Amino acid sequence: MTSDSRVGPPLFGSERETLRAFLDYHRATLAMKCEGLSDEELRQRSMPPSTLSLLGLVRHMAEVERAWFRRVFQDNDAPMVWSDTIDFQAAYEADASTRREAFTAWEAEVENSRRVEREAASLDRAGHQPRWGEDVSLRMVMLHVLLEYARHNGHADFLREGVDGTVGA
């Protein structure tokens, strides 16, 4: 990683500004963890039999963004990117994937998610979560996706250390 250009969340701000900023901060963290790596390095797995890799995390987060913003607020039947059966694990299988393919999909979903959030009149905007058969608020969706990034960025730390050869150093 060459630089840290992430913008931290405001120390004082509205709920919406704070959620938006934390979400963007964690999105930038995932991108930063992948910075400067080749496709081969991005596909490097943590340890057998795990299929977890940085590229797999990027693909997975594209699916998370799609499932929680596009499918909940725009089209409940929108297909997933890498699975015909709403299998989030399929995204982790990145052996044939490239940075370009994964990041293009992820960045498109992030931009769509940002658009959904910007266009919502309030965090109370309701959408339908088809997997649960329940309505959910934009607030809940933003918080859920933020927590997904936070959890997976912990994995990204470990994976990046493995690629850089600094585990245990």
C-alpha atoms as a PDB file:
ATOM      1  CA  MET A   1       0.000   0.000   0.000  1.00  0.00           C
ATOM      2  CA  THR A   2       1.481   3.277  -1.050  1.00  0.00           C
ATOM      3  CA  SER A   3      -0.725   5.903   0.504  1.00  0.00           C
ATOM      4  CA  ASP A   4      -3.732   6.448   2.689  1.00  0.00           C
ATOM      5  CA  SER A   5      -6.092   8.871   0.961  1.00  0.00           C
ATOM      6  CA  ARG A   6      -9.184   7.850   2.916  1.00  0.00           C
ATOM      7  CA  VAL A   7     -11.344  10.609   4.344  1.00  0.00           C
ATOM      8  CA  GLY A   8     -12.429   9.918   7.899  1.00  0.00           C
ATOM      9  CA  PRO A   9     -15.968  10.446   9.121  1.00  0.00           C
ATOM     10  CA  PRO A  10     -16.939  13.775  10.682  1.00  0.00           C
ATOM     11  CA  LEU A  11     -16.452  14.205  14.401  1.00  0.00           C
ATOM     12  CA  PHE A  12     -19.763  16.059  14.442  1.00  0.00           C
ATOM     13  CA  GLY A  13     -22.420  15.511  11.827  1.00  0.00           C
ATOM     14  CA  SER A  14     -25.914  14.316  11.210  1.00  0.00           C
ATOM     15  CA  GLU A  15     -26.748  10.646  11.434  1.00  0.00           C
ATOM     16  CA  ARG A  16     -26.911  10.426   7.667  1.00  0.00           C
ATOM     17  CA  GLU A  17     -23.611  12.232   7.092  1.00  0.00           C
ATOM     18  CA  THR A  18     -21.935   9.996   9.654  1.00  0.00           C
ATOM     19  CA  LEU A  19     -23.300   6.745   8.203  1.00  0.00           C
ATOM     20  CA  ARG A  20     -22.412   7.840   4.668  1.00  0.00           C
ATOM     21  CA  ALA A  21     -18.883   8.843   5.686  1.00  0.00           C
ATOM     22  CA  PHE A  22     -18.194   5.651   7.660  1.00  0.00           C
ATOM     23  CA  LEU A  23     -19.477   3.546   4.766  1.00  0.00           C
ATOM     24  CA  ASP A  24     -17.284   5.398   2.271  1.00  0.00           C
ATOM     25  CA  TYR A  25     -14.321   5.137   4.642  1.00  0.00           C
ATOM     26  CA  HIS A  26     -14.698   1.357   4.788  1.00  0.00           C
ATOM     27  CA  ARG A  27     -15.186   1.110   1.027  1.00  0.00           C
ATOM     28  CA  ALA A  28     -11.935   3.054   0.610  1.00  0.00           C
ATOM     29  CA  THR A  29     -10.242   0.762   3.135  1.00  0.00           C
ATOM     30  CA  LEU A  30     -11.026  -2.317   1.047  1.00  0.00           C
ATOM     31  CA  ALA A  31      -9.709  -0.611  -2.091  1.00  0.00           C
ATOM     32  CA  MET A  32      -6.571   0.489  -0.226  1.00  0.00           C
ATOM     33  CA  LYS A  33      -5.882  -3.084   0.939  1.00  0.00           C
ATOM     34  CA  CYS A  34      -5.865  -4.151  -2.725  1.00  0.00           C
ATOM     35  CA  GLU A  35      -3.705  -1.275  -3.940  1.00  0.00           C
ATOM     36  CA  GLY A  36      -0.556  -2.124  -5.867  1.00  0.00           C
ATOM     37  CA  LEU A  37      -1.195  -5.863  -6.123  1.00  0.00           C
ATOM     38  CA  SER A  38      -1.230  -7.971  -9.280  1.00  0.00           C
ATOM     39  CA  ASP A  39      -4.173 -10.171 -10.220  1.00  0.00           C
ATOM     40  CA  GLU A  40      -2.200 -13.173  -8.976  1.00  0.00           C
ATOM     41  CA  GLU A  41      -1.519 -11.534  -5.607  1.00  0.00           C
ATOM     42  CA  LEU A  42      -5.167 -10.476  -5.295  1.00  0.00           C
ATOM     43  CA  ARG A  43      -6.208 -14.103  -5.889  1.00  0.00           C
ATOM     44  CA  GLN A  44      -3.811 -15.445  -3.236  1.00  0.00           C
ATOM     45  CA  ARG A  45      -5.808 -17.461  -0.703  1.00  0.00           C
ATOM     46  CA  SER A  46      -5.415 -17.258   3.036  1.00  0.00           C
ATOM     47  CA  MET A  47      -4.925 -20.989   3.621  1.00  0.00           C
ATOM     48  CA  PRO A  48      -6.397 -24.235   2.293  1.00  0.00           C
ATOM     49  CA  PRO A  49      -9.209 -25.138   2.067  1.00  0.00           C
ATOM     50  CA  SER A  50     -10.398 -21.514   2.275  1.00  0.00           C
ATOM     51  CA  THR A  51     -11.185 -19.716  -0.974  1.00  0.00           C
ATOM     52  CA  LEU A  52     -10.844 -16.345   0.793  1.00  0.00           C
ATOM     53  CA  SER A  53      -8.727 -13.827  -1.124  1.00  0.00           C
ATOM     54  CA  LEU A  54      -8.671 -10.071  -1.500  1.00  0.00           C
ATOM     55  CA  LEU A  55     -10.209 -10.398  -4.961  1.00  0.00           C
ATOM     56  CA  GLY A  56     -12.879 -12.669  -3.524  1.00  0.00           C
ATOM     57  CA  LEU A  57     -13.659 -10.048  -0.875  1.00  0.00           C
ATOM     58  CA  VAL A  58     -14.089  -7.370  -3.546  1.00  0.00           C
ATOM     59  CA  ARG A  59     -16.419  -9.676  -5.479  1.00  0.00           C
ATOM     60  CA  HIS A  60     -18.318 -10.544  -2.304  1.00  0.00           C
ATOM     61  CA  MET A  61     -18.787  -6.894  -1.392  1.00  0.00           C
ATOM     62  CA  ALA A  62     -20.157  -6.213  -4.888  1.00  0.00           C
ATOM     63  CA  GLU A  63     -22.782  -8.858  -4.119  1.00  0.00           C
ATOM     64  CA  VAL A  64     -23.464  -7.333  -0.684  1.00  0.00           C
ATOM     65  CA  GLU A  65     -23.945  -3.860  -2.182  1.00  0.00           C
ATOM     66  CA  ARG A  66     -26.251  -5.311  -4.840  1.00  0.00           C
ATOM     67  CA  ALA A  67     -28.275  -7.402  -2.395  1.00  0.00           C
ATOM     68  CA  TRP A  68     -28.819  -4.577   0.060  1.00  0.00           C
ATOM     69  CA  PHE A  69     -29.284  -1.551  -2.161  1.00  0.00           C
ATOM     70  CA  ARG A  70     -30.332  -2.677  -5.658  1.00  0.00           C
ATOM     71  CA  ARG A  71     -32.461  -5.663  -4.641  1.00  0.00           C
ATOM     72  CA  VAL A  72     -34.034  -3.992  -1.594  1.00  0.00           C
ATOM     73  CA  PHE A  73     -34.776  -0.541  -3.041  1.00  0.00           C
ATOM     74  CA  GLN A  74     -34.904  -0.982  -6.818  1.00  0.00           C
ATOM     75  CA  ASP A  75     -35.602  -4.495  -8.069  1.00  0.00           C
ATOM     76  CA  ASN A  76     -36.295  -7.370  -5.677  1.00  0.00           C
ATOM     77  CA  ASP A  77     -35.630  -9.819  -8.505  1.00  0.00           C
ATOM     78  CA  ALA A  78     -32.337  -8.359  -9.729  1.00  0.00           C
ATOM     79  CA  PRO A  79     -29.892 -11.219 -10.257  1.00  0.00           C
ATOM     80  CA  MET A  80     -26.702 -11.410  -8.271  1.00  0.00           C
ATOM     81  CA  VAL A  81     -23.445 -10.763 -10.107  1.00  0.00           C
ATOM     82  CA  TRP A  82     -21.779 -14.181  -9.730  1.00  0.00           C
ATOM     83  CA  SER A  83     -24.580 -16.458  -8.581  1.00  0.00           C
ATOM     84  CA  ASP A  84     -27.876 -17.547 -10.065  1.00  0.00           C
ATOM     85  CA  THR A  85     -29.031 -18.820  -6.662  1.00  0.00           C
ATOM     86  CA  ILE A  86     -28.282 -15.888  -4.315  1.00  0.00           C
ATOM     87  CA  ASP A  87     -25.197 -17.710  -3.063  1.00  0.00           C
ATOM     88  CA  PHE A  88     -22.892 -15.108  -1.537  1.00  0.00           C
ATOM     89  CA  GLN A  89     -20.140 -17.717  -1.191  1.00  0.00           C
ATOM     90  CA  ALA A  90     -19.845 -18.028  -4.983  1.00  0.00           C
ATOM     91  CA  ALA A  91     -18.235 -14.579  -5.149  1.00  0.00           C
ATOM     92  CA  TYR A  92     -15.305 -15.779  -3.051  1.00  0.00           C
ATOM     93  CA  GLU A  93     -14.238 -18.145  -5.845  1.00  0.00           C
ATOM     94  CA  ALA A  94     -12.007 -15.699  -7.705  1.00  0.00           C
ATOM     95  CA  ASP A  95      -9.490 -18.058  -9.358  1.00  0.00           C
ATOM     96  CA  ALA A  96     -10.549 -16.985 -12.857  1.00  0.00           C
ATOM     97  CA  SER A  97     -11.284 -13.383 -11.920  1.00  0.00           C
ATOM     98  CA  THR A  98      -9.237 -10.275 -12.591  1.00  0.00           C
ATOM     99  CA  ARG A  99      -8.881  -6.960 -10.799  1.00  0.00           C
ATOM    100  CA  ARG A 100     -10.620  -5.283 -13.715  1.00  0.00           C
ATOM    101  CA  GLU A 101     -13.618  -7.620 -13.655  1.00  0.00           C
ATOM    102  CA  ALA A 102     -14.065  -7.540  -9.883  1.00  0.00           C
ATOM    103  CA  PHE A 103     -13.454  -3.831  -9.385  1.00  0.00           C
ATOM    104  CA  THR A 104     -15.656  -2.859 -12.333  1.00  0.00           C
ATOM    105  CA  ALA A 105     -18.572  -4.771 -10.815  1.00  0.00           C
ATOM    106  CA  TRP A 106     -17.870  -3.542  -7.274  1.00  0.00           C
ATOM    107  CA  GLU A 107     -17.475   0.098  -8.288  1.00  0.00           C
ATOM    108  CA  ALA A 108     -20.715  -0.036 -10.320  1.00  0.00           C
ATOM    109  CA  GLU A 109     -22.599  -1.412  -7.319  1.00  0.00           C
ATOM    110  CA  VAL A 110     -21.048   1.165  -4.973  1.00  0.00           C
ATOM    111  CA  GLU A 111     -22.103   3.993  -7.312  1.00  0.00           C
ATOM    112  CA  ASN A 112     -25.617   2.590  -7.528  1.00  0.00           C
ATOM    113  CA  SER A 113     -25.768   2.296  -3.733  1.00  0.00           C
ATOM    114  CA  ARG A 114     -24.639   5.900  -3.344  1.00  0.00           C
ATOM    115  CA  ARG A 115     -27.311   7.007  -5.819  1.00  0.00           C
ATOM    116  CA  VAL A 116     -30.015   5.105  -3.927  1.00  0.00           C
ATOM    117  CA  GLU A 117     -28.921   6.743  -0.680  1.00  0.00           C
ATOM    118  CA  ARG A 118     -28.654  10.263  -2.150  1.00  0.00           C
ATOM    119  CA  GLU A 119     -32.094  10.042  -3.766  1.00  0.00           C
ATOM    120  CA  ALA A 120     -33.834   8.874  -0.586  1.00  0.00           C
ATOM    121  CA  ALA A 121     -35.720  11.628   1.217  1.00  0.00           C
ATOM    122  CA  SER A 122     -34.750  10.178   4.588  1.00  0.00           C
ATOM    123  CA  LEU A 123     -33.096   7.247   6.331  1.00  0.00           C
ATOM    124  CA  ASP A 124     -36.609   6.007   7.045  1.00  0.00           C
ATOM    125  CA  ARG A 125     -37.119   5.129   3.367  1.00  0.00           C
ATOM    126  CA  ALA A 126     -38.468   1.599   3.330  1.00  0.00           C
ATOM    127  CA  GLY A 127     -37.420  -1.130   0.960  1.00  0.00           C
ATOM    128  CA  HIS A 128     -38.278  -4.796   0.813  1.00  0.00           C
ATOM    129  CA  GLN A 129     -35.630  -7.384   1.727  1.00  0.00           C
ATOM    130  CA  PRO A 130     -36.752 -10.336  -0.434  1.00  0.00           C
ATOM    131  CA  ARG A 131     -34.693 -12.949   1.433  1.00  0.00           C
ATOM    132  CA  TRP A 132     -36.370 -12.039   4.709  1.00  0.00           C
ATOM    133  CA  GLY A 133     -39.783 -11.195   3.277  1.00  0.00           C
ATOM    134  CA  GLU A 134     -39.662  -8.025   5.416  1.00  0.00           C
ATOM    135  CA  ASP A 135     -39.449  -4.298   4.870  1.00  0.00           C
ATOM    136  CA  VAL A 136     -36.305  -2.564   6.120  1.00  0.00           C
ATOM    137  CA  SER A 137     -35.207   1.053   6.414  1.00  0.00           C
ATOM    138  CA  LEU A 138     -32.360   2.679   4.526  1.00  0.00           C
ATOM    139  CA  ARG A 139     -30.817   3.350   7.958  1.00  0.00           C
ATOM    140  CA  MET A 140     -30.736  -0.379   8.739  1.00  0.00           C
ATOM    141  CA  VAL A 141     -29.331  -1.191   5.290  1.00  0.00           C
ATOM    142  CA  MET A 142     -26.543   1.375   5.564  1.00  0.00           C
ATOM    143  CA  LEU A 143     -25.615   0.152   9.029  1.00  0.00           C
ATOM    144  CA  HIS A 144     -25.710  -3.504   7.945  1.00  0.00           C
ATOM    145  CA  VAL A 145     -23.488  -2.875   4.902  1.00  0.00           C
ATOM    146  CA  LEU A 146     -21.118  -0.787   7.025  1.00  0.00           C
ATOM    147  CA  LEU A 147     -20.769  -3.692   9.458  1.00  0.00           C
ATOM    148  CA  GLU A 148     -20.154  -6.086   6.555  1.00  0.00           C
ATOM    149  CA  TYR A 149     -17.288  -3.899   5.346  1.00  0.00           C
ATOM    150  CA  ALA A 150     -15.837  -3.568   8.848  1.00  0.00           C
ATOM    151  CA  ARG A 151     -15.847  -7.345   9.308  1.00  0.00           C
ATOM    152  CA  HIS A 152     -14.380  -8.086   5.905  1.00  0.00           C
ATOM    153  CA  ASN A 153     -11.762  -5.346   6.182  1.00  0.00           C
ATOM    154  CA  GLY A 154     -10.442  -7.289   9.165  1.00  0.00           C
ATOM    155  CA  HIS A 155     -10.032 -10.253   6.831  1.00  0.00           C
ATOM    156  CA  ALA A 156      -8.423  -7.945   4.261  1.00  0.00           C
ATOM    157  CA  ASP A 157      -5.792  -6.919   6.833  1.00  0.00           C
ATOM    158  CA  PHE A 158      -4.835 -10.554   7.322  1.00  0.00           C
ATOM    159  CA  LEU A 159      -4.861 -11.304   3.593  1.00  0.00           C
ATOM    160  CA  ARG A 160      -2.745  -8.266   2.740  1.00  0.00           C
ATOM    161  CA  GLU A 161      -0.198  -9.206   5.399  1.00  0.00           C
ATOM    162  CA  GLY A 162       0.004 -12.672   3.843  1.00  0.00           C
ATOM    163  CA  VAL A 163       0.583 -11.265   0.370  1.00  0.00           C
ATOM    164  CA  ASP A 164       3.185  -8.804   1.655  1.00  0.00           C
ATOM    165  CA  GLY A 165       4.896 -11.561   3.638  1.00  0.00           C
ATOM    166  CA  THR A 166       4.601  -9.732   6.932  1.00  0.00           C
ATOM    167  CA  VAL A 167       2.549 -12.261   8.891  1.00  0.00           C
ATOM    168  CA  GLY A 168       4.279 -12.854  12.193  1.00  0.00           C
ATOM    169  CA  ALA A 169       6.879 -10.165  11.502  1.00  0.00           C
END
